[in-house]
C-alpha cells in the first residue's frame, strides 16, 4: 500500500465513522467531516498532510 492509498483509506474511514456517529450519537460529530474535508483540500494544494508523515514513518512507500 502506498502513502496516497493509505491516506484515502483513512480519510474514507473517518468520514464514514463521523457520519454514523453524527446520525446515531450527536450531530456535533459532523464537525469531524468538516475537518477532514478542509485537511484534504489543503493537502491538494500543498501536497502535505500530517497523516502522510505518520505513514512515511511507518514505512509505507511513495
N, C-alpha and C. Protein backbone atom coordinates (compact mmCIF):
# COMPACT_ATOMS: atom_id res chain seq x y z
N UNK A 1 0.85 -1.17 0.00
CA UNK A 1 0.00 0.00 0.00
C UNK A 1 0.90 1.24 0.00
N UNK A 2 0.51 2.23 -0.79
CA UNK A 2 1.30 3.45 -0.84
C UNK A 2 0.75 4.48 0.15
N UNK A 3 1.50 5.56 0.33
CA UNK A 3 1.08 6.63 1.23
C UNK A 3 -0.24 7.23 0.77
N UNK A 4 -0.38 7.48 -0.53
CA UNK A 4 -1.62 8.08 -1.04
C UNK A 4 -2.83 7.15 -0.87
N UNK A 5 -2.63 5.87 -1.09
CA UNK A 5 -3.72 4.92 -0.90
C UNK A 5 -4.13 4.86 0.56
N UNK A 6 -3.16 4.85 1.46
CA UNK A 6 -3.45 4.81 2.89
C UNK A 6 -4.16 6.09 3.33
N UNK A 7 -3.74 7.22 2.78
CA UNK A 7 -4.38 8.49 3.12
C UNK A 7 -5.84 8.50 2.69
N UNK A 8 -6.12 8.03 1.49
CA UNK A 8 -7.51 7.96 1.02
C UNK A 8 -8.33 7.00 1.88
N UNK A 9 -7.72 5.88 2.24
CA UNK A 9 -8.43 4.89 3.05
C UNK A 9 -8.77 5.45 4.43
N UNK A 10 -7.81 6.08 5.08
CA UNK A 10 -8.06 6.59 6.42
C UNK A 10 -9.06 7.75 6.37
N UNK A 11 -9.00 8.58 5.33
CA UNK A 11 -9.97 9.67 5.20
C UNK A 11 -11.38 9.10 5.01
N UNK A 12 -11.51 8.06 4.20
CA UNK A 12 -12.81 7.44 3.98
C UNK A 12 -13.37 6.82 5.24
N UNK A 13 -12.50 6.17 6.00
CA UNK A 13 -12.93 5.55 7.25
C UNK A 13 -13.40 6.61 8.24
N UNK A 14 -12.64 7.69 8.36
CA UNK A 14 -13.00 8.74 9.32
C UNK A 14 -14.30 9.42 8.90
N UNK A 15 -14.47 9.70 7.62
CA UNK A 15 -15.70 10.33 7.14
C UNK A 15 -16.90 9.42 7.39
N UNK A 16 -16.76 8.15 7.06
CA UNK A 16 -17.86 7.20 7.25
C UNK A 16 -18.21 7.06 8.73
N UNK A 17 -17.19 6.94 9.57
CA UNK A 17 -17.44 6.83 11.02
C UNK A 17 -18.09 8.10 11.56
N UNK A 18 -17.65 9.24 11.06
CA UNK A 18 -18.22 10.51 11.51
C UNK A 18 -19.69 10.64 11.13
N UNK A 19 -20.04 10.19 9.94
CA UNK A 19 -21.44 10.23 9.51
C UNK A 19 -22.29 9.32 10.40
N UNK A 20 -21.80 8.12 10.65
CA UNK A 20 -22.55 7.21 11.52
C UNK A 20 -22.70 7.77 12.93
N UNK A 21 -21.61 8.31 13.48
CA UNK A 21 -21.69 8.89 14.82
C UNK A 21 -22.59 10.12 14.83
N UNK A 22 -22.56 10.90 13.76
CA UNK A 22 -23.42 12.07 13.68
C UNK A 22 -24.89 11.70 13.62
N UNK A 23 -25.19 10.59 12.98
CA UNK A 23 -26.58 10.15 12.86
C UNK A 23 -27.08 9.50 14.13
N UNK A 24 -26.26 8.62 14.73
CA UNK A 24 -26.71 7.84 15.87
C UNK A 24 -26.40 8.45 17.24
N UNK A 25 -25.36 9.26 17.33
CA UNK A 25 -24.93 9.76 18.64
C UNK A 25 -25.24 11.24 18.81
N UNK A 26 -24.58 12.08 18.00
CA UNK A 26 -24.76 13.52 18.15
C UNK A 26 -24.38 14.19 16.83
N UNK A 27 -25.14 15.19 16.40
CA UNK A 27 -24.80 15.90 15.16
C UNK A 27 -23.46 16.63 15.24
N UNK A 28 -22.95 16.84 16.43
CA UNK A 28 -21.66 17.51 16.56
C UNK A 28 -20.51 16.69 15.96
N UNK A 29 -20.71 15.40 15.80
CA UNK A 29 -19.69 14.57 15.18
C UNK A 29 -19.47 14.96 13.72
N UNK A 30 -20.42 15.63 13.11
CA UNK A 30 -20.28 16.04 11.71
C UNK A 30 -19.21 17.12 11.54
N UNK A 31 -18.82 17.76 12.63
CA UNK A 31 -17.72 18.72 12.57
C UNK A 31 -16.44 18.01 12.13
N UNK A 32 -16.29 16.77 12.53
CA UNK A 32 -15.12 15.99 12.11
C UNK A 32 -15.07 15.86 10.59
N UNK A 33 -16.22 15.71 9.93
CA UNK A 33 -16.25 15.67 8.47
C UNK A 33 -15.70 16.96 7.88
N UNK A 34 -16.07 18.09 8.47
CA UNK A 34 -15.56 19.37 8.00
C UNK A 34 -14.06 19.46 8.15
N UNK A 35 -13.54 18.98 9.26
CA UNK A 35 -12.10 19.00 9.48
C UNK A 35 -11.38 18.13 8.45
N UNK A 36 -11.89 16.94 8.20
CA UNK A 36 -11.26 16.05 7.22
C UNK A 36 -11.32 16.67 5.83
N UNK A 37 -12.45 17.27 5.49
CA UNK A 37 -12.58 17.91 4.18
C UNK A 37 -11.61 19.06 4.01
N UNK A 38 -11.48 19.91 5.02
CA UNK A 38 -10.53 21.03 4.94
C UNK A 38 -9.09 20.53 4.85
N UNK A 39 -8.79 19.48 5.60
CA UNK A 39 -7.44 18.92 5.56
C UNK A 39 -7.13 18.34 4.18
N UNK A 40 -8.09 17.65 3.57
CA UNK A 40 -7.87 17.11 2.23
C UNK A 40 -7.73 18.23 1.20
N UNK A 41 -8.49 19.30 1.37
CA UNK A 41 -8.40 20.44 0.45
C UNK A 41 -7.03 21.11 0.54
N UNK A 42 -6.55 21.38 1.74
CA UNK A 42 -5.23 22.00 1.86
C UNK A 42 -4.14 21.05 1.39
N UNK A 43 -4.34 19.75 1.58
CA UNK A 43 -3.37 18.77 1.12
C UNK A 43 -3.27 18.75 -0.41
N UNK A 44 -4.38 19.01 -1.08
CA UNK A 44 -4.37 19.04 -2.54
C UNK A 44 -3.50 20.17 -3.08
N UNK A 45 -3.44 21.28 -2.35
CA UNK A 45 -2.67 22.42 -2.81
C UNK A 45 -1.24 22.43 -2.30
N UNK A 46 -1.01 21.91 -1.10
CA UNK A 46 0.33 21.96 -0.51
C UNK A 46 1.09 20.64 -0.62
N UNK A 47 0.39 19.56 -0.95
CA UNK A 47 0.98 18.21 -1.02
C UNK A 47 1.60 17.81 0.32
N UNK A 48 1.00 18.27 1.41
CA UNK A 48 1.45 17.92 2.74
C UNK A 48 0.25 17.66 3.63
N UNK A 49 0.35 16.61 4.41
CA UNK A 49 -0.70 16.25 5.36
C UNK A 49 -0.02 15.59 6.55
N UNK A 50 -0.42 15.92 7.77
CA UNK A 50 0.22 15.30 8.93
C UNK A 50 0.15 13.78 8.92
N UNK A 51 -0.93 13.24 8.39
CA UNK A 51 -1.08 11.79 8.34
C UNK A 51 -0.05 11.16 7.40
N UNK A 52 0.32 11.88 6.34
CA UNK A 52 1.32 11.36 5.41
C UNK A 52 2.67 11.19 6.10
N UNK A 53 3.01 12.10 6.99
CA UNK A 53 4.25 11.99 7.75
C UNK A 53 4.25 10.71 8.58
N UNK A 54 3.12 10.43 9.22
CA UNK A 54 2.99 9.22 10.04
C UNK A 54 3.12 7.97 9.18
N UNK A 55 2.46 7.97 8.02
CA UNK A 55 2.53 6.81 7.15
C UNK A 55 3.93 6.58 6.61
N UNK A 56 4.65 7.66 6.32
CA UNK A 56 6.04 7.51 5.86
C UNK A 56 6.92 6.92 6.96
N UNK A 57 6.71 7.35 8.20
CA UNK A 57 7.47 6.81 9.31
C UNK A 57 7.13 5.35 9.56
N UNK A 58 5.91 4.95 9.19
CA UNK A 58 5.52 3.55 9.32
C UNK A 58 6.14 2.69 8.24
N UNK A 59 6.75 3.33 7.24
CA UNK A 59 7.45 2.59 6.20
C UNK A 59 6.68 2.38 4.92
N UNK A 60 5.55 3.06 4.76
CA UNK A 60 4.82 2.92 3.51
C UNK A 60 5.58 3.61 2.39
N UNK A 61 5.48 3.06 1.21
CA UNK A 61 6.23 3.61 0.07
C UNK A 61 5.44 4.72 -0.60
N UNK A 62 6.17 5.54 -1.32
CA UNK A 62 5.55 6.65 -2.04
C UNK A 62 4.84 6.10 -3.25
